[in-house]
C-alpha atoms as a PDB file:
ATOM      1  CA  MET A   1     142.551 140.345-178.239  1.00  0.00           C
ATOM      2  CA  ARG A   2     145.175 137.766-179.057  1.00  0.00           C
ATOM      3  CA  GLY A   3     145.881 137.402-175.347  1.00  0.00           C
ATOM      4  CA  ARG A   4     142.248 136.537-174.690  1.00  0.00           C
ATOM      5  CA  LEU A   5     142.192 133.983-177.497  1.00  0.00           C
ATOM      6  CA  LYS A   6     145.411 132.438-176.248  1.00  0.00           C
ATOM      7  CA  ARG A   7     144.079 132.201-172.670  1.00  0.00           C
ATOM      8  CA  GLY A   8     140.791 130.731-173.910  1.00  0.00           C
ATOM      9  CA  SER A   9     142.488 128.027-175.941  1.00  0.00           C
ATOM     10  CA  THR A  10     144.813 127.188-173.052  1.00  0.00           C
ATOM     11  CA  PHE A  11     141.801 126.946-170.750  1.00  0.00           C
ATOM     12  CA  GLY A  12     140.052 124.656-173.274  1.00  0.00           C
ATOM     13  CA  VAL A  13     143.050 122.347-173.509  1.00  0.00           C
ATOM     14  CA  VAL A  14     143.401 122.135-169.731  1.00  0.00           C
ATOM     15  CA  ALA A  15     139.665 121.471-169.338  1.00  0.00           C
ATOM     16  CA  GLY A  16     139.850 118.717-171.971  1.00  0.00           C
ATOM     17  CA  VAL A  17     142.771 116.998-170.223  1.00  0.00           C
ATOM     18  CA  VAL A  18     141.000 117.152-166.840  1.00  0.00           C
ATOM     19  CA  THR A  19     137.821 115.717-168.385  1.00  0.00           C
ATOM     20  CA  ALA A  20     139.774 112.883-170.002  1.00  0.00           C
ATOM     21  CA  PHE A  21     141.374 111.925-166.676  1.00  0.00           C
ATOM     22  CA  ALA A  22     137.979 112.058-164.938  1.00  0.00           C
ATOM     23  CA  VAL A  23     136.364 109.724-167.494  1.00  0.00           C
ATOM     24  CA  ALA A  24     139.314 107.315-167.309  1.00  0.00           C
ATOM     25  CA  GLY A  25     139.157 107.339-163.500  1.00  0.00           C
ATOM     26  CA  MET A  26     135.432 106.541-163.498  1.00  0.00           C
ATOM     27  CA  GLY A  27     135.993 103.727-165.957  1.00  0.00           C
ATOM     28  CA  SER A  28     138.679 102.125-163.820  1.00  0.00           C
ATOM     29  CA  VAL A  29     136.537 102.363-160.664  1.00  0.00           C
ATOM     30  CA  GLY A  30     133.580 100.808-162.511  1.00  0.00           C
ATOM     31  CA  ALA A  31     135.736  97.939-163.742  1.00  0.00           C
ATOM     32  CA  ALA A  32     137.043  97.288-160.244  1.00  0.00           C
ATOM     33  CA  VAL A  33     133.556  97.237-158.718  1.00  0.00           C
ATOM     34  CA  SER A  34     131.823  95.072-161.334  1.00  0.00           C
ATOM     35  CA  PRO A  35     134.209  92.710-163.137  1.00  0.00           C
ATOM     36  CA  ALA A  36     133.240  91.371-166.544  1.00  0.00           C
ATOM     37  CA  SER A  37     133.887  87.703-165.643  1.00  0.00           C
ATOM     38  CA  ALA A  38     132.699  85.507-162.773  1.00  0.00           C
ATOM     39  CA  PRO A  39     134.571  85.883-159.486  1.00  0.00           C
ATOM     40  CA  ALA A  40     137.439  83.490-158.794  1.00  0.00           C
ATOM     41  CA  SER A  41     135.624  81.945-155.806  1.00  0.00           C
ATOM     42  CA  ALA A  42     132.797  80.767-158.087  1.00  0.00           C
ATOM     43  CA  SER A  43     135.153  78.609-160.153  1.00  0.00           C
ATOM     44  CA  GLN A  44     135.712  76.232-157.223  1.00  0.00           C
ATOM     45  CA  TYR A  45     132.090  75.031-157.474  1.00  0.00           C
ATOM     46  CA  GLU A  46     132.441  74.009-161.118  1.00  0.00           C
ATOM     47  CA  ARG A  47     134.450  70.957-160.042  1.00  0.00           C
ATOM     48  CA  LYS A  48     132.071  69.900-157.237  1.00  0.00           C
ATOM     49  CA  VAL A  49     129.335  67.264-157.254  1.00  0.00           C
ATOM     50  CA  THR A  50     126.125  67.313-155.194  1.00  0.00           C
ATOM     51  CA  ILE A  51     125.596  64.125-153.198  1.00  0.00           C
ATOM     52  CA  CYS A  52     123.288  62.899-150.469  1.00  0.00           C
ATOM     53  CA  HIS A  53     125.723  62.123-147.628  1.00  0.00           C
ATOM     54  CA  ARG A  54     125.024  59.430-145.047  1.00  0.00           C
ATOM     55  CA  THR A  55     125.959  60.960-141.691  1.00  0.00           C
ATOM     56  CA  GLY A  56     125.470  57.985-139.373  1.00  0.00           C
ATOM     57  CA  SER A  57     123.261  60.029-137.041  1.00  0.00           C
ATOM     58  CA  LYS A  58     119.902  58.636-135.920  1.00  0.00           C
ATOM     59  CA  LYS A  59     118.112  62.006-135.964  1.00  0.00           C
ATOM     60  CA  ASN A  60     119.587  63.289-139.229  1.00  0.00           C
ATOM     61  CA  PRO A  61     120.905  60.296-141.214  1.00  0.00           C
ATOM     62  CA  PHE A  62     121.220  62.073-144.595  1.00  0.00           C
ATOM     63  CA  ARG A  63     122.465  65.513-145.640  1.00  0.00           C
ATOM     64  CA  THR A  64     122.924  67.155-149.067  1.00  0.00           C
ATOM     65  CA  ILE A  65     126.537  68.271-149.517  1.00  0.00           C
ATOM     66  CA  ARG A  66     128.874  69.254-152.374  1.00  0.00           C
ATOM     67  CA  VAL A  67     132.197  67.443-152.662  1.00  0.00           C
ATOM     68  CA  SER A  68     135.091  67.332-155.103  1.00  0.00           C
ATOM     69  CA  ARG A  69     134.771  65.040-158.106  1.00  0.00           C
ATOM     70  CA  ASN A  70     137.760  63.139-156.729  1.00  0.00           C
ATOM     71  CA  ALA A  71     135.911  62.274-153.496  1.00  0.00           C
ATOM     72  CA  VAL A  72     132.691  60.959-155.067  1.00  0.00           C
ATOM     73  CA  LYS A  73     133.917  57.368-155.471  1.00  0.00           C
ATOM     74  CA  ALA A  74     134.819  57.071-151.782  1.00  0.00           C
ATOM     75  CA  HIS A  75     131.483  58.535-150.693  1.00  0.00           C
ATOM     76  CA  LEU A  76     129.516  56.131-152.910  1.00  0.00           C
ATOM     77  CA  ARG A  77     131.405  53.195-151.355  1.00  0.00           C
ATOM     78  CA  HIS A  78     130.011  53.875-147.882  1.00  0.00           C
ATOM     79  CA  GLY A  79     126.364  54.425-148.785  1.00  0.00           C
ATOM     80  CA  ASP A  80     126.070  57.986-150.143  1.00  0.00           C
ATOM     81  CA  ALA A  81     124.024  58.629-153.298  1.00  0.00           C
ATOM     82  CA  LEU A  82     124.395  61.032-156.207  1.00  0.00           C
ATOM     83  CA  GLY A  83     122.133  64.084-156.292  1.00  0.00           C
ATOM     84  CA  PRO A  84     120.306  65.988-153.576  1.00  0.00           C
ATOM     85  CA  CYS A  85     118.685  63.931-150.818  1.00  0.00           C
ATOM     86  CA  SER A  86     115.145  64.650-152.007  1.00  0.00           C
ATOM     87  CA  THR A  87     115.761  62.902-155.356  1.00  0.00           C
ATOM     88  CA  ALA A  88     118.634  60.510-154.586  1.00  0.00           C
ATOM     89  CA  VAL A  89     118.053  56.812-155.233  1.00  0.00           C
ATOM     90  CA  PHE A  90     119.422  54.391-152.627  1.00  0.00           C
ATOM     91  CA  THR A  91     120.061  50.686-153.198  1.00  0.00           C
ATOM     92  CA  MET A  92     118.936  48.788-150.115  1.00  0.00           C
ATOM     93  CA  CYS A  93     118.757  45.202-148.909  1.00  0.00           C
ATOM     94  CA  HIS A  94     115.128  44.750-147.828  1.00  0.00           C
ATOM     95  CA  LYS A  95     114.132  42.147-145.259  1.00  0.00           C
ATOM     96  CA  ALA A  96     111.002  40.317-146.365  1.00  0.00           C
ATOM     97  CA  LYS A  97     109.109  37.341-144.955  1.00  0.00           C
ATOM     98  CA  ASN A  98     110.459  35.038-147.646  1.00  0.00           C
ATOM     99  CA  GLY A  99     114.073  36.243-147.459  1.00  0.00           C
ATOM    100  CA  LYS A 100     116.021  39.291-148.539  1.00  0.00           C
ATOM    101  CA  LYS A 101     115.827  41.189-151.800  1.00  0.00           C
ATOM    102  CA  THR A 102     117.540  44.264-153.231  1.00  0.00           C
ATOM    103  CA  ILE A 103     115.266  47.297-153.704  1.00  0.00           C
ATOM    104  CA  LYS A 104     115.630  50.941-154.781  1.00  0.00           C
ATOM    105  CA  ALA A 105     114.398  53.655-152.384  1.00  0.00           C
ATOM    106  CA  LYS A 106     113.873  57.113-153.922  1.00  0.00           C
ATOM    107  CA  GLY A 107     114.539  59.970-151.519  1.00  0.00           C
ATOM    108  CA  ALA A 108     116.184  60.197-148.133  1.00  0.00           C
ATOM    109  CA  ARG A 109     112.890  60.030-146.242  1.00  0.00           C
ATOM    110  CA  LYS A 110     111.960  56.694-147.742  1.00  0.00           C
ATOM    111  CA  ALA A 111     115.481  55.364-147.190  1.00  0.00           C
ATOM    112  CA  GLN A 112     115.388  56.528-143.557  1.00  0.00           C
ATOM    113  CA  ARG A 113     112.030  54.814-143.045  1.00  0.00           C
ATOM    114  CA  ASN A 114     113.447  51.562-144.466  1.00  0.00           C
ATOM    115  CA  LEU A 115     116.553  51.796-142.277  1.00  0.00           C
ATOM    116  CA  LYS A 116     114.351  52.099-139.180  1.00  0.00           C
ATOM    117  CA  ARG A 117     112.548  48.921-140.228  1.00  0.00           C
ATOM    118  CA  GLY A 118     115.796  46.954-140.363  1.00  0.00           C
ATOM    119  CA  ASP A 119     116.874  47.286-144.002  1.00  0.00           C
ATOM    120  CA  LYS A 120     120.545  47.826-144.841  1.00  0.00           C
ATOM    121  CA  LEU A 121     122.161  50.139-147.376  1.00  0.00           C
ATOM    122  CA  GLY A 122     123.721  48.366-150.349  1.00  0.00           C
ATOM    123  CA  LYS A 123     122.922  45.249-152.342  1.00  0.00           C
ATOM    124  CA  CYS A 124     121.975  42.015-150.635  1.00  0.00           C
ATOM    125  CA  LYS A 125     124.776  39.479-150.537  1.00  0.00           C
ATOM    126  CA  ALA A 126     124.190  36.441-152.707  1.00  0.00           C
ATOM    127  CA  LYS A 127     123.707  33.140-150.961  1.00  0.00           C
ATOM    128  CA  LYS A 128     126.655  30.774-151.216  1.00  0.00           C
ATOM    129  CA  ARG A 129     125.931  27.965-153.634  1.00  0.00           C
ATOM    130  CA  GLY A 130     127.331  24.496-153.686  1.00  0.00           C
ATOM    131  CA  LYS A 131     126.906  23.608-150.024  1.00  0.00           C
ATOM    132  CA  PRO A 132     126.813  19.831-149.713  1.00  0.00           C
ATOM    133  CA  ASP A 133     123.665  18.139-148.510  1.00  0.00           C
ATOM    134  CA  LYS A 134     123.688  16.320-145.185  1.00  0.00           C
ATOM    135  CA  GLY A 135     123.773  12.906-146.897  1.00  0.00           C
ATOM    136  CA  GLN A 136     126.824  13.643-149.072  1.00  0.00           C
ATOM    137  CA  PRO A 137     130.402  13.328-147.854  1.00  0.00           C
ATOM    138  CA  GLN A 138     132.146  16.606-147.020  1.00  0.00           C
ATOM    139  CA  ASP A 139     135.428  15.877-148.841  1.00  0.00           C
ATOM    140  CA  LYS A 140     133.923  15.455-152.312  1.00  0.00           C
ATOM    141  CA  GLY A 141     136.325  16.607-154.993  1.00  0.00           C
ATOM    142  CA  LYS A 142     139.499  16.199-152.953  1.00  0.00           C
ATOM    143  CA  ASP A 143     142.171  13.918-154.281  1.00  0.00           C
ATOM    144  CA  LYS A 144     141.533  10.321-153.398  1.00  0.00           C
ATOM    145  CA  GLY A 145     144.814   8.631-152.708  1.00  0.00           C
ATOM    146  CA  LYS A 146     146.672  10.628-155.354  1.00  0.00           C
ATOM    147  CA  GLY A 147     149.836  12.399-154.379  1.00  0.00           C
ATOM    148  CA  LYS A 148     150.131  11.063-150.862  1.00  0.00           C
ATOM    149  CA  GLY A 149     153.024  12.585-149.058  1.00  0.00           C
ATOM    150  CA  LYS A 150     153.152  15.758-151.112  1.00  0.00           C
ATOM    151  CA  ASP A 151     152.101  17.850-148.157  1.00  0.00           C
ATOM    152  CA  LYS A 152     154.915  16.537-145.970  1.00  0.00           C
ATOM    153  CA  PRO A 153     157.955  18.802-145.620  1.00  0.00           C
ATOM    154  CA  LYS A 154     161.095  17.610-147.327  1.00  0.00           C
ATOM    155  CA  LYS A 155     163.917  16.379-145.156  1.00  0.00           C
ATOM    156  CA  LYS A 156     166.868  18.643-145.185  1.00  0.00           C
ATOM    157  CA  GLY A 157     170.182  16.936-145.292  1.00  0.00           C
ATOM    158  CA  PRO A 158     173.621  18.333-144.608  1.00  0.00           C
ATOM    159  CA  LYS A 159     174.844  20.873-147.101  1.00  0.00           C
ATOM    160  CA  LYS A 160     177.652  19.721-149.335  1.00  0.00           C
END
């Protein structure tokens, strides 16, 4: 009878050890298949910014893309806008009958329509002020007789 009891307890211990390894194995497989944190590839999009990119194409002039935060400044310099193309706001120089004026166009479709009509991306350049009238002399403000000869090069003599 003691032999049976001894074999039964040995069998129970062996079965317990096998069960423990099986549970641990399932746990490690489950952890490998479904990690607790976000995948490493997802972290690259945390540092990206959505912009409406100006492609330069006639058929498809704008495209929504995601770029690095470091590249946003350069993209904005050549006419891109922050946000997706459907909601991006573009600053445009609008040609009107009485001159040019700076307007805001919301959305790529409206911006594309304005570009076809001859508008340009970016602010309108300010007119130069202070142009002399036709009746005034052109050299107003220049020195009048003062410092004559200052513009002439100095004569170089022999070195001593």
